Amino acid sequence: MFELRKRINRIKIKLGYHLGLSKAIGMPKLITIEPTNHCNLKCPLCPTGMGDTSVAYGLLKLDKYKKVVDVFGKWAQSINLFSWGEPLLNKSFIEMIRYASQSPHQIKSTTSVNLNAVTDKQIEGLLTSNLGTLHVFIDGTTQEVYEKYRVGGNLETVLNNLKKLIAAKKLYKSNTTIKWAFIVNKYNEHQVEAAKKMASDFGIPINIDSLRIDLKEDCITPLDESIDTYGEWLPDNPKYNNYNMDTKTRKRTLEFCKLPWRSTMINWNGDVFPCSCVHTEEKDRMGNIFEQDFAEIWNGEKYVAARKELLDQPNDLETICHTCKKNGYYTLSNNLMGQ
């Protein structure tokens, strides 16, 4: 019965956007939940790393997290348990993974970490909590290159912690998938092959992904302006570059965004956003799950207006989705995953 309900929900989601319904008849199947937006690194293209002051910072409390999971447990197939910070800084993080995976929810979680600050107890927890996939971001094979983007990070510490993770996976016979994540930029593109070899030596898969030029402004600022400001980070090799540098346009764009029918994002203080592609400023939120019933938010005026915009239907209320669409949509990668 539990799986049947989720299958029916998937059908409703597809019917919603295929029939052009601005009021959703299905509920989100993918939930992104932010354990914290604090981070121990200062990555130069990330608003958290740059010390952005347009948002409040904090930690999601375990009891409130459980309430969120309880809301979505009937429909959600998976949870992305990360967003604008380092999840391991939330001391309840392992319990969050475990709670979602247990009956009656049985939802697998995916997360991403930088592994610069992780305890042995957390390593054990990551491999015994029924976590689905763990992405470890390592964007270089030497300290000099690695810290160019992961400012404040220590590659030796990260690699030692990765070894511990892999050993714990074997010890506990864990089904968790550990993946090396390498985001290519101008200063590390010459180490892509070396990173592939290191990942192979560790016995784990590697995702080679393209750099998103500005994590905060990508959806809301005209692309040519972002390239003029941050273009120094973009790789020279066009294989690893998401953008046409001559025309200052994206190589790939979405014809239609389905996210407002199939997923939602909850940040640490309960604010609800249409996706995790946009920085979580209060002005762009759809509502707050700790203050409102989610069904009220999901088919509230902002979500309905966003869907109408994506469907090219008349509407009078502008949302972040209007801005993202106008700027050609943010695209996740350059189809390099796993290479």
C-alpha atoms as a PDB file:
ATOM      1  CA  MET A   1       0.000   0.000   0.000  1.00  0.00           C
ATOM      2  CA  PHE A   2       2.857   2.364   0.895  1.00  0.00           C
ATOM      3  CA  GLU A   3       4.648   1.940  -2.442  1.00  0.00           C
ATOM      4  CA  LEU A   4       1.356   2.015  -4.338  1.00  0.00           C
ATOM      5  CA  ARG A   5       0.598   5.431  -2.864  1.00  0.00           C
ATOM      6  CA  LYS A   6       3.958   6.740  -4.043  1.00  0.00           C
ATOM      7  CA  ARG A   7       3.456   5.291  -7.531  1.00  0.00           C
ATOM      8  CA  ILE A   8       0.062   6.944  -7.813  1.00  0.00           C
ATOM      9  CA  ASN A   9       1.637  10.208  -6.695  1.00  0.00           C
ATOM     10  CA  ARG A  10       4.253   9.956  -9.480  1.00  0.00           C
ATOM     11  CA  ILE A  11       1.446   9.574 -12.010  1.00  0.00           C
ATOM     12  CA  LYS A  12      -0.343  12.604 -10.586  1.00  0.00           C
ATOM     13  CA  ILE A  13       2.857  14.673 -10.841  1.00  0.00           C
ATOM     14  CA  LYS A  14       3.252  13.842 -14.537  1.00  0.00           C
ATOM     15  CA  LEU A  15      -0.407  14.497 -15.244  1.00  0.00           C
ATOM     16  CA  GLY A  16      -0.071  17.875 -13.547  1.00  0.00           C
ATOM     17  CA  TYR A  17       2.492  19.333 -15.918  1.00  0.00           C
ATOM     18  CA  HIS A  18       1.374  17.419 -19.023  1.00  0.00           C
ATOM     19  CA  LEU A  19      -2.171  18.731 -18.581  1.00  0.00           C
ATOM     20  CA  GLY A  20      -0.911  22.235 -17.817  1.00  0.00           C
ATOM     21  CA  LEU A  21      -2.335  22.394 -14.302  1.00  0.00           C
ATOM     22  CA  SER A  22      -1.104  25.334 -12.250  1.00  0.00           C
ATOM     23  CA  LYS A  23      -2.622  23.755  -9.134  1.00  0.00           C
ATOM     24  CA  ALA A  24      -0.696  20.566  -8.433  1.00  0.00           C
ATOM     25  CA  ILE A  25      -2.659  17.331  -8.033  1.00  0.00           C
ATOM     26  CA  GLY A  26       0.401  15.407  -6.866  1.00  0.00           C
ATOM     27  CA  MET A  27       2.804  16.087  -4.010  1.00  0.00           C
ATOM     28  CA  PRO A  28       6.588  16.489  -4.292  1.00  0.00           C
ATOM     29  CA  LYS A  29       8.519  13.220  -4.621  1.00  0.00           C
ATOM     30  CA  LEU A  30      11.962  14.749  -4.071  1.00  0.00           C
ATOM     31  CA  ILE A  31      12.581  16.854  -0.978  1.00  0.00           C
ATOM     32  CA  THR A  32      15.702  18.908  -0.338  1.00  0.00           C
ATOM     33  CA  ILE A  33      16.177  19.680   3.351  1.00  0.00           C
ATOM     34  CA  GLU A  34      18.946  21.943   4.639  1.00  0.00           C
ATOM     35  CA  PRO A  35      20.524  20.697   7.908  1.00  0.00           C
ATOM     36  CA  THR A  36      22.481  23.953   8.171  1.00  0.00           C
ATOM     37  CA  ASN A  37      23.794  26.807   6.075  1.00  0.00           C
ATOM     38  CA  HIS A  38      26.928  27.137   8.190  1.00  0.00           C
ATOM     39  CA  CYS A  39      30.142  25.966   6.540  1.00  0.00           C
ATOM     40  CA  ASN A  40      33.759  25.468   7.556  1.00  0.00           C
ATOM     41  CA  LEU A  41      35.118  26.492   4.132  1.00  0.00           C
ATOM     42  CA  LYS A  42      35.069  29.756   2.194  1.00  0.00           C
ATOM     43  CA  CYS A  43      34.487  28.717  -1.413  1.00  0.00           C
ATOM     44  CA  PRO A  44      34.697  31.891  -3.541  1.00  0.00           C
ATOM     45  CA  LEU A  45      31.618  31.316  -5.733  1.00  0.00           C
ATOM     46  CA  CYS A  46      29.317  30.229  -2.899  1.00  0.00           C
ATOM     47  CA  PRO A  47      27.290  32.875  -1.039  1.00  0.00           C
ATOM     48  CA  THR A  48      27.899  31.068   2.265  1.00  0.00           C
ATOM     49  CA  GLY A  49      31.635  30.992   1.649  1.00  0.00           C
ATOM     50  CA  MET A  50      31.590  34.655   0.661  1.00  0.00           C
ATOM     51  CA  GLY A  51      29.850  35.591   3.914  1.00  0.00           C
ATOM     52  CA  ASP A  52      26.594  36.684   2.298  1.00  0.00           C
ATOM     53  CA  THR A  53      24.474  38.679   4.744  1.00  0.00           C
ATOM     54  CA  SER A  54      21.155  38.532   2.897  1.00  0.00           C
ATOM     55  CA  VAL A  55      20.129  35.381   4.812  1.00  0.00           C
ATOM     56  CA  ALA A  56      20.039  34.294   8.458  1.00  0.00           C
ATOM     57  CA  TYR A  57      22.267  31.390   9.481  1.00  0.00           C
ATOM     58  CA  GLY A  58      21.377  28.498  11.730  1.00  0.00           C
ATOM     59  CA  LEU A  59      20.905  24.773  12.347  1.00  0.00           C
ATOM     60  CA  LEU A  60      17.780  22.711  11.751  1.00  0.00           C
ATOM     61  CA  LYS A  61      16.689  21.131  15.030  1.00  0.00           C
ATOM     62  CA  LEU A  62      16.049  17.390  15.049  1.00  0.00           C
ATOM     63  CA  ASP A  63      12.472  17.644  16.311  1.00  0.00           C
ATOM     64  CA  LYS A  64      11.563  20.074  13.542  1.00  0.00           C
ATOM     65  CA  TYR A  65      13.309  17.915  10.955  1.00  0.00           C
ATOM     66  CA  LYS A  66      11.202  14.955  12.063  1.00  0.00           C
ATOM     67  CA  LYS A  67       8.054  17.020  11.601  1.00  0.00           C
ATOM     68  CA  VAL A  68       9.124  17.844   8.038  1.00  0.00           C
ATOM     69  CA  VAL A  69       9.808  14.191   7.216  1.00  0.00           C
ATOM     70  CA  ASP A  70       6.467  13.215   8.756  1.00  0.00           C
ATOM     71  CA  VAL A  71       4.741  15.642   6.383  1.00  0.00           C
ATOM     72  CA  PHE A  72       6.338  14.166   3.265  1.00  0.00           C
ATOM     73  CA  GLY A  73       6.671  10.537   4.325  1.00  0.00           C
ATOM     74  CA  LYS A  74       3.583   9.430   2.414  1.00  0.00           C
ATOM     75  CA  TRP A  75       4.858  10.668  -0.955  1.00  0.00           C
ATOM     76  CA  ALA A  76       8.600  11.301  -0.921  1.00  0.00           C
ATOM     77  CA  GLN A  77      10.880   8.843  -2.684  1.00  0.00           C
ATOM     78  CA  SER A  78      14.147  10.513  -1.748  1.00  0.00           C
ATOM     79  CA  ILE A  79      15.607  13.321   0.324  1.00  0.00           C
ATOM     80  CA  ASN A  80      18.582  15.502  -0.570  1.00  0.00           C
ATOM     81  CA  LEU A  81      19.975  16.287   2.857  1.00  0.00           C
ATOM     82  CA  PHE A  82      22.232  19.208   1.991  1.00  0.00           C
ATOM     83  CA  SER A  83      22.073  22.701   0.536  1.00  0.00           C
ATOM     84  CA  TRP A  84      24.042  25.835   1.429  1.00  0.00           C
ATOM     85  CA  GLY A  85      26.321  24.513   4.176  1.00  0.00           C
ATOM     86  CA  GLU A  86      28.310  21.544   5.475  1.00  0.00           C
ATOM     87  CA  PRO A  87      25.754  19.032   6.842  1.00  0.00           C
ATOM     88  CA  LEU A  88      28.228  17.449   9.263  1.00  0.00           C
ATOM     89  CA  LEU A  89      28.259  20.670  11.294  1.00  0.00           C
ATOM     90  CA  ASN A  90      24.772  19.767  12.492  1.00  0.00           C
ATOM     91  CA  LYS A  91      25.313  17.329  15.360  1.00  0.00           C
ATOM     92  CA  SER A  92      21.909  15.733  14.687  1.00  0.00           C
ATOM     93  CA  PHE A  93      22.789  15.003  11.071  1.00  0.00           C
ATOM     94  CA  ILE A  94      23.239  11.234  11.421  1.00  0.00           C
ATOM     95  CA  GLU A  95      19.972  10.917  13.318  1.00  0.00           C
ATOM     96  CA  MET A  96      18.270  12.826  10.510  1.00  0.00           C
ATOM     97  CA  ILE A  97      19.425  10.275   7.946  1.00  0.00           C
ATOM     98  CA  ARG A  98      18.415   7.404  10.199  1.00  0.00           C
ATOM     99  CA  TYR A  99      14.952   8.790  10.958  1.00  0.00           C
ATOM    100  CA  ALA A 100      14.009   9.158   7.288  1.00  0.00           C
ATOM    101  CA  SER A 101      15.231   5.665   6.413  1.00  0.00           C
ATOM    102  CA  GLN A 102      13.303   3.897   9.171  1.00  0.00           C
ATOM    103  CA  SER A 103       9.741   2.621   9.072  1.00  0.00           C
ATOM    104  CA  PRO A 104       7.207   3.953   8.327  1.00  0.00           C
ATOM    105  CA  HIS A 105       8.965   6.429   6.012  1.00  0.00           C
ATOM    106  CA  GLN A 106      11.686   4.282   4.439  1.00  0.00           C
ATOM    107  CA  ILE A 107      13.110   7.197   2.449  1.00  0.00           C
ATOM    108  CA  LYS A 108      16.698   7.009   1.260  1.00  0.00           C
ATOM    109  CA  SER A 109      18.770  10.162   1.638  1.00  0.00           C
ATOM    110  CA  THR A 110      21.574  11.597  -0.462  1.00  0.00           C
ATOM    111  CA  THR A 111      24.073  14.067   0.941  1.00  0.00           C
ATOM    112  CA  SER A 112      27.297  15.859   0.062  1.00  0.00           C
ATOM    113  CA  VAL A 113      30.164  16.733   2.404  1.00  0.00           C
ATOM    114  CA  ASN A 114      33.647  18.209   2.245  1.00  0.00           C
ATOM    115  CA  LEU A 115      35.094  15.882   4.959  1.00  0.00           C
ATOM    116  CA  ASN A 116      37.334  18.538   6.475  1.00  0.00           C
ATOM    117  CA  ALA A 117      35.692  18.143   9.875  1.00  0.00           C
ATOM    118  CA  VAL A 118      34.219  14.726  10.615  1.00  0.00           C
ATOM    119  CA  THR A 119      34.528  12.565  13.720  1.00  0.00           C
ATOM    120  CA  ASP A 120      35.040   8.805  13.801  1.00  0.00           C
ATOM    121  CA  LYS A 121      31.573   8.503  15.336  1.00  0.00           C
ATOM    122  CA  GLN A 122      30.077  10.428  12.401  1.00  0.00           C
ATOM    123  CA  ILE A 123      31.931   8.211   9.942  1.00  0.00           C
ATOM    124  CA  GLU A 124      30.426   5.158  11.615  1.00  0.00           C
ATOM    125  CA  GLY A 125      27.004   6.804  11.540  1.00  0.00           C
ATOM    126  CA  LEU A 126      27.215   7.678   7.856  1.00  0.00           C
ATOM    127  CA  LEU A 127      27.774   4.006   7.016  1.00  0.00           C
ATOM    128  CA  THR A 128      25.230   2.529   9.456  1.00  0.00           C
ATOM    129  CA  SER A 129      22.263   4.893   9.009  1.00  0.00           C
ATOM    130  CA  ASN A 130      21.049   3.501   5.676  1.00  0.00           C
ATOM    131  CA  LEU A 131      22.260   6.543   3.750  1.00  0.00           C
ATOM    132  CA  GLY A 132      21.762   6.088   0.013  1.00  0.00           C
ATOM    133  CA  THR A 133      24.589   8.092  -1.577  1.00  0.00           C
ATOM    134  CA  LEU A 134      27.414  10.152  -0.099  1.00  0.00           C
ATOM    135  CA  HIS A 135      29.137  12.674  -2.381  1.00  0.00           C
ATOM    136  CA  VAL A 136      32.571  13.829  -1.194  1.00  0.00           C
ATOM    137  CA  PHE A 137      33.734  17.034  -2.881  1.00  0.00           C
ATOM    138  CA  ILE A 138      37.441  16.942  -3.676  1.00  0.00           C
ATOM    139  CA  ASP A 139      38.359  19.413  -6.414  1.00  0.00           C
ATOM    140  CA  GLY A 140      42.089  18.795  -6.697  1.00  0.00           C
ATOM    141  CA  THR A 141      44.823  16.237  -6.221  1.00  0.00           C
ATOM    142  CA  THR A 142      47.371  18.585  -4.624  1.00  0.00           C
ATOM    143  CA  GLN A 143      46.889  20.949  -1.696  1.00  0.00           C
ATOM    144  CA  GLU A 144      47.752  24.017  -3.792  1.00  0.00           C
ATOM    145  CA  VAL A 145      45.059  23.266  -6.369  1.00  0.00           C
ATOM    146  CA  TYR A 146      42.486  21.918  -3.917  1.00  0.00           C
ATOM    147  CA  GLU A 147      42.540  24.978  -1.660  1.00  0.00           C
ATOM    148  CA  LYS A 148      42.246  27.365  -4.594  1.00  0.00           C
ATOM    149  CA  TYR A 149      38.481  26.794  -4.483  1.00  0.00           C
ATOM    150  CA  ARG A 150      37.980  24.904  -1.195  1.00  0.00           C
ATOM    151  CA  VAL A 151      39.498  27.785   0.752  1.00  0.00           C
ATOM    152  CA  GLY A 152      40.390  26.731   4.288  1.00  0.00           C
ATOM    153  CA  GLY A 153      40.364  23.027   3.423  1.00  0.00           C
ATOM    154  CA  ASN A 154      43.140  20.491   3.928  1.00  0.00           C
ATOM    155  CA  LEU A 155      43.481  17.812   1.256  1.00  0.00           C
ATOM    156  CA  GLU A 156      45.494  15.421   3.439  1.00  0.00           C
ATOM    157  CA  THR A 157      42.782  15.508   6.107  1.00  0.00           C
ATOM    158  CA  VAL A 158      40.069  14.904   3.511  1.00  0.00           C
ATOM    159  CA  LEU A 159      41.856  11.947   1.906  1.00  0.00           C
ATOM    160  CA  ASN A 160      42.546  10.366   5.301  1.00  0.00           C
ATOM    161  CA  ASN A 161      38.874  10.724   6.203  1.00  0.00           C
ATOM    162  CA  LEU A 162      37.897   9.249   2.842  1.00  0.00           C
ATOM    163  CA  LYS A 163      40.058   6.204   3.621  1.00  0.00           C
ATOM    164  CA  LYS A 164      38.255   5.846   6.953  1.00  0.00           C
ATOM    165  CA  LEU A 165      34.885   6.043   5.194  1.00  0.00           C
ATOM    166  CA  ILE A 166      35.804   3.327   2.734  1.00  0.00           C
ATOM    167  CA  ALA A 167      37.148   1.111   5.526  1.00  0.00           C
ATOM    168  CA  ALA A 168      33.945   1.654   7.532  1.00  0.00           C
ATOM    169  CA  LYS A 169      31.844   0.744   4.496  1.00  0.00           C
ATOM    170  CA  LYS A 170      33.632  -2.621   4.337  1.00  0.00           C
ATOM    171  CA  LEU A 171      33.537  -3.146   8.092  1.00  0.00           C
ATOM    172  CA  TYR A 172      29.794  -2.554   8.408  1.00  0.00           C
ATOM    173  CA  LYS A 173      28.956  -4.143   5.037  1.00  0.00           C
ATOM    174  CA  SER A 174      27.179  -0.915   4.158  1.00  0.00           C
ATOM    175  CA  ASN A 175      25.160  -0.452   0.970  1.00  0.00           C
ATOM    176  CA  THR A 176      25.865   3.284   0.968  1.00  0.00           C
ATOM    177  CA  THR A 177      27.433   4.480  -2.291  1.00  0.00           C
ATOM    178  CA  ILE A 178      30.465   6.736  -1.780  1.00  0.00           C
ATOM    179  CA  LYS A 179      31.279   9.002  -4.737  1.00  0.00           C
ATOM    180  CA  TRP A 180      34.154  11.388  -5.341  1.00  0.00           C
ATOM    181  CA  ALA A 181      32.749  14.682  -6.711  1.00  0.00           C
ATOM    182  CA  PHE A 182      35.121  16.858  -8.734  1.00  0.00           C
ATOM    183  CA  ILE A 183      33.902  20.237 -10.015  1.00  0.00           C
ATOM    184  CA  VAL A 184      36.098  21.434 -12.861  1.00  0.00           C
ATOM    185  CA  ASN A 185      37.355  25.012 -12.908  1.00  0.00           C
ATOM    186  CA  LYS A 186      40.169  26.845 -14.670  1.00  0.00           C
ATOM    187  CA  TYR A 187      42.661  26.092 -11.902  1.00  0.00           C
ATOM    188  CA  ASN A 188      42.081  22.335 -11.562  1.00  0.00           C
ATOM    189  CA  GLU A 189      41.143  21.176 -15.077  1.00  0.00           C
ATOM    190  CA  HIS A 190      44.683  19.857 -15.604  1.00  0.00           C
ATOM    191  CA  GLN A 191      44.132  17.421 -12.695  1.00  0.00           C
ATOM    192  CA  VAL A 192      40.966  15.733 -13.956  1.00  0.00           C
ATOM    193  CA  GLU A 193      42.767  12.601 -15.131  1.00  0.00           C
ATOM    194  CA  ALA A 194      44.817  12.406 -11.937  1.00  0.00           C
ATOM    195  CA  ALA A 195      41.606  12.642  -9.896  1.00  0.00           C
ATOM    196  CA  LYS A 196      40.033   9.823 -11.931  1.00  0.00           C
ATOM    197  CA  LYS A 197      43.060   7.635 -11.201  1.00  0.00           C
ATOM    198  CA  MET A 198      43.002   8.453  -7.487  1.00  0.00           C
ATOM    199  CA  ALA A 199      39.304   7.623  -7.281  1.00  0.00           C
ATOM    200  CA  SER A 200      39.940   4.355  -9.080  1.00  0.00           C
ATOM    201  CA  ASP A 201      42.754   3.538  -6.633  1.00  0.00           C
ATOM    202  CA  PHE A 202      40.326   4.200  -3.766  1.00  0.00           C
ATOM    203  CA  GLY A 203      37.831   1.894  -5.460  1.00  0.00           C
ATOM    204  CA  ILE A 204      35.037   4.465  -5.727  1.00  0.00           C
ATOM    205  CA  PRO A 205      33.296   6.133  -8.704  1.00  0.00           C
ATOM    206  CA  ILE A 206      33.971   9.748  -9.572  1.00  0.00           C
ATOM    207  CA  ASN A 207      31.601  12.414 -10.899  1.00  0.00           C
ATOM    208  CA  ILE A 208      33.272  15.025 -13.073  1.00  0.00           C
ATOM    209  CA  ASP A 209      30.975  18.027 -13.171  1.00  0.00           C
ATOM    210  CA  SER A 210      31.072  21.507 -14.652  1.00  0.00           C
ATOM    211  CA  LEU A 211      31.373  24.689 -12.635  1.00  0.00           C
ATOM    212  CA  ARG A 212      28.304  26.800 -12.002  1.00  0.00           C
ATOM    213  CA  ILE A 213      29.576  30.307 -12.444  1.00  0.00           C
ATOM    214  CA  ASP A 214      27.923  32.017  -9.464  1.00  0.00           C
ATOM    215  CA  LEU A 215      25.881  29.982  -7.020  1.00  0.00           C
ATOM    216  CA  LYS A 216      23.814  32.941  -5.861  1.00  0.00           C
ATOM    217  CA  GLU A 217      23.341  34.999  -9.000  1.00  0.00           C
ATOM    218  CA  ASP A 218      23.203  32.330 -11.723  1.00  0.00           C
ATOM    219  CA  CYS A 219      19.402  32.309 -11.874  1.00  0.00           C
ATOM    220  CA  ILE A 220      18.755  35.987 -11.267  1.00  0.00           C
ATOM    221  CA  THR A 221      21.524  37.936 -13.016  1.00  0.00           C
ATOM    222  CA  PRO A 222      21.894  38.191 -16.810  1.00  0.00           C
ATOM    223  CA  LEU A 223      24.448  35.562 -17.791  1.00  0.00           C
ATOM    224  CA  ASP A 224      26.759  37.922 -19.667  1.00  0.00           C
ATOM    225  CA  GLU A 225      27.187  39.979 -16.492  1.00  0.00           C
ATOM    226  CA  SER A 226      28.044  36.890 -14.431  1.00  0.00           C
ATOM    227  CA  ILE A 227      30.604  35.741 -17.007  1.00  0.00           C
ATOM    228  CA  ASP A 228      32.189  39.184 -17.057  1.00  0.00           C
ATOM    229  CA  THR A 229      32.459  39.101 -13.245  1.00  0.00           C
ATOM    230  CA  TYR A 230      33.447  35.480 -12.592  1.00  0.00           C
ATOM    231  CA  GLY A 231      34.651  34.204 -15.966  1.00  0.00           C
ATOM    232  CA  GLU A 232      38.188  33.777 -14.644  1.00  0.00           C
ATOM    233  CA  TRP A 233      36.998  30.559 -12.956  1.00  0.00           C
ATOM    234  CA  LEU A 234      35.690  28.896 -16.108  1.00  0.00           C
ATOM    235  CA  PRO A 235      37.797  26.095 -17.637  1.00  0.00           C
ATOM    236  CA  ASP A 236      39.618  26.663 -20.922  1.00  0.00           C
ATOM    237  CA  ASN A 237      38.683  23.191 -22.145  1.00  0.00           C
ATOM    238  CA  PRO A 238      35.195  23.536 -23.700  1.00  0.00           C
ATOM    239  CA  LYS A 239      34.430  19.947 -22.639  1.00  0.00           C
ATOM    240  CA  TYR A 240      34.302  21.136 -19.037  1.00  0.00           C
ATOM    241  CA  ASN A 241      32.694  24.533 -19.644  1.00  0.00           C
ATOM    242  CA  ASN A 242      28.900  24.942 -19.401  1.00  0.00           C
ATOM    243  CA  TYR A 243      29.021  28.196 -21.344  1.00  0.00           C
ATOM    244  CA  ASN A 244      29.716  29.470 -24.859  1.00  0.00           C
ATOM    245  CA  MET A 245      32.346  32.074 -24.115  1.00  0.00           C
ATOM    246  CA  ASP A 246      32.033  33.890 -27.465  1.00  0.00           C
ATOM    247  CA  THR A 247      28.296  34.460 -27.165  1.00  0.00           C
ATOM    248  CA  LYS A 248      28.140  34.349 -23.346  1.00  0.00           C
ATOM    249  CA  THR A 249      25.259  31.896 -23.407  1.00  0.00           C
ATOM    250  CA  ARG A 250      24.593  28.475 -21.868  1.00  0.00           C
ATOM    251  CA  LYS A 251      25.400  25.459 -23.993  1.00  0.00           C
ATOM    252  CA  ARG A 252      22.334  23.663 -22.670  1.00  0.00           C
ATOM    253  CA  THR A 253      19.100  25.140 -21.445  1.00  0.00           C
ATOM    254  CA  LEU A 254      15.840  23.666 -20.244  1.00  0.00           C
ATOM    255  CA  GLU A 255      12.851  23.904 -22.533  1.00  0.00           C
ATOM    256  CA  PHE A 256      10.562  23.398 -19.571  1.00  0.00           C
ATOM    257  CA  CYS A 257      11.177  23.189 -15.815  1.00  0.00           C
ATOM    258  CA  LYS A 258       9.148  20.518 -13.981  1.00  0.00           C
ATOM    259  CA  LEU A 259      10.501  21.161 -10.505  1.00  0.00           C
ATOM    260  CA  PRO A 260       7.483  23.068  -9.107  1.00  0.00           C
ATOM    261  CA  TRP A 261       5.387  19.937  -9.695  1.00  0.00           C
ATOM    262  CA  ARG A 262       7.834  17.284  -8.506  1.00  0.00           C
ATOM    263  CA  SER A 263      10.103  18.685  -5.781  1.00  0.00           C
ATOM    264  CA  THR A 264      10.498  21.300  -3.084  1.00  0.00           C
ATOM    265  CA  MET A 265      13.222  22.680  -0.846  1.00  0.00           C
ATOM    266  CA  ILE A 266      13.035  23.369   2.904  1.00  0.00           C
ATOM    267  CA  ASN A 267      15.795  25.413   4.473  1.00  0.00           C
ATOM    268  CA  TRP A 268      16.967  25.211   8.087  1.00  0.00           C
ATOM    269  CA  ASN A 269      14.326  27.623   9.447  1.00  0.00           C
ATOM    270  CA  GLY A 270      11.388  26.097   7.574  1.00  0.00           C
ATOM    271  CA  ASP A 271      11.238  28.493   4.632  1.00  0.00           C
ATOM    272  CA  VAL A 272      10.010  26.729   1.489  1.00  0.00           C
ATOM    273  CA  PHE A 273      11.549  27.339  -1.942  1.00  0.00           C
ATOM    274  CA  PRO A 274      10.738  25.879  -5.373  1.00  0.00           C
ATOM    275  CA  CYS A 275      14.206  24.350  -5.726  1.00  0.00           C
ATOM    276  CA  SER A 276      17.727  24.443  -4.330  1.00  0.00           C
ATOM    277  CA  CYS A 277      19.079  26.251  -7.397  1.00  0.00           C
ATOM    278  CA  VAL A 278      18.362  29.640  -5.826  1.00  0.00           C
ATOM    279  CA  HIS A 279      19.862  31.123  -2.699  1.00  0.00           C
ATOM    280  CA  THR A 280      17.345  31.082   0.134  1.00  0.00           C
ATOM    281  CA  GLU A 281      16.497  34.759   0.575  1.00  0.00           C
ATOM    282  CA  GLU A 282      13.251  35.387   2.419  1.00  0.00           C
ATOM    283  CA  LYS A 283      11.798  37.459  -0.418  1.00  0.00           C
ATOM    284  CA  ASP A 284      11.837  34.401  -2.697  1.00  0.00           C
ATOM    285  CA  ARG A 285      10.242  31.924  -0.311  1.00  0.00           C
ATOM    286  CA  MET A 286       6.894  30.289  -1.051  1.00  0.00           C
ATOM    287  CA  GLY A 287       5.955  30.037   2.633  1.00  0.00           C
ATOM    288  CA  ASN A 288       7.168  28.467   5.869  1.00  0.00           C
ATOM    289  CA  ILE A 289       6.403  24.870   6.755  1.00  0.00           C
ATOM    290  CA  PHE A 290       6.656  25.573  10.507  1.00  0.00           C
ATOM    291  CA  GLU A 291       4.039  28.317  10.230  1.00  0.00           C
ATOM    292  CA  GLN A 292       1.679  26.916   7.563  1.00  0.00           C
ATOM    293  CA  ASP A 293       0.288  23.619   6.390  1.00  0.00           C
ATOM    294  CA  PHE A 294       2.402  22.472   3.443  1.00  0.00           C
ATOM    295  CA  ALA A 295      -0.659  21.791   1.270  1.00  0.00           C
ATOM    296  CA  GLU A 296      -1.538  25.468   1.726  1.00  0.00           C
ATOM    297  CA  ILE A 297       1.933  26.461   0.516  1.00  0.00           C
ATOM    298  CA  TRP A 298       2.096  23.891  -2.303  1.00  0.00           C
ATOM    299  CA  ASN A 299      -1.021  25.283  -3.981  1.00  0.00           C
ATOM    300  CA  GLY A 300      -0.737  28.781  -2.591  1.00  0.00           C
ATOM    301  CA  GLU A 301      -0.636  31.869  -4.772  1.00  0.00           C
ATOM    302  CA  LYS A 302       3.157  31.923  -5.193  1.00  0.00           C
ATOM    303  CA  TYR A 303       3.510  28.286  -6.276  1.00  0.00           C
ATOM    304  CA  VAL A 304       0.482  28.636  -8.577  1.00  0.00           C
ATOM    305  CA  ALA A 305       1.944  31.812 -10.093  1.00  0.00           C
ATOM    306  CA  ALA A 306       5.294  30.063 -10.636  1.00  0.00           C
ATOM    307  CA  ARG A 307       3.635  27.150 -12.426  1.00  0.00           C
ATOM    308  CA  LYS A 308       1.545  29.519 -14.552  1.00  0.00           C
ATOM    309  CA  GLU A 309       4.699  31.302 -15.644  1.00  0.00           C
ATOM    310  CA  LEU A 310       6.377  28.046 -16.650  1.00  0.00           C
ATOM    311  CA  LEU A 311       3.208  27.050 -18.518  1.00  0.00           C
ATOM    312  CA  ASP A 312       3.077  30.449 -20.274  1.00  0.00           C
ATOM    313  CA  GLN A 313      -0.278  31.171 -18.648  1.00  0.00           C
ATOM    314  CA  PRO A 314      -1.329  34.697 -17.626  1.00  0.00           C
ATOM    315  CA  ASN A 315      -0.557  35.633 -14.024  1.00  0.00           C
ATOM    316  CA  ASP A 316       0.010  38.828 -12.078  1.00  0.00           C
ATOM    317  CA  LEU A 317       2.375  37.658  -9.320  1.00  0.00           C
ATOM    318  CA  GLU A 318       6.104  37.466 -10.068  1.00  0.00           C
ATOM    319  CA  THR A 319       8.229  34.804  -8.350  1.00  0.00           C
ATOM    320  CA  ILE A 320      11.833  33.637  -8.503  1.00  0.00           C
ATOM    321  CA  CYS A 321      10.727  31.179 -11.201  1.00  0.00           C
ATOM    322  CA  HIS A 322       9.832  34.119 -13.457  1.00  0.00           C
ATOM    323  CA  THR A 323      13.358  35.504 -13.099  1.00  0.00           C
ATOM    324  CA  CYS A 324      15.023  32.126 -13.613  1.00  0.00           C
ATOM    325  CA  LYS A 325      12.978  31.465 -16.761  1.00  0.00           C
ATOM    326  CA  LYS A 326      13.785  34.926 -18.136  1.00  0.00           C
ATOM    327  CA  ASN A 327      17.499  34.240 -17.671  1.00  0.00           C
ATOM    328  CA  GLY A 328      17.349  30.952 -19.570  1.00  0.00           C
ATOM    329  CA  TYR A 329      17.058  28.565 -16.607  1.00  0.00           C
ATOM    330  CA  TYR A 330      19.903  27.245 -14.519  1.00  0.00           C
ATOM    331  CA  THR A 331      21.227  23.875 -15.745  1.00  0.00           C
ATOM    332  CA  LEU A 332      22.915  21.420 -13.410  1.00  0.00           C
ATOM    333  CA  SER A 333      25.769  19.975 -15.406  1.00  0.00           C
ATOM    334  CA  ASN A 334      27.414  19.457 -18.751  1.00  0.00           C
ATOM    335  CA  ASN A 335      26.569  15.728 -18.888  1.00  0.00           C
ATOM    336  CA  LEU A 336      29.973  14.847 -17.482  1.00  0.00           C
ATOM    337  CA  MET A 337      28.732  12.864 -14.496  1.00  0.00           C
ATOM    338  CA  GLY A 338      30.664   9.646 -13.997  1.00  0.00           C
ATOM    339  CA  GLN A 339      33.316  10.302 -16.644  1.00  0.00           C
END
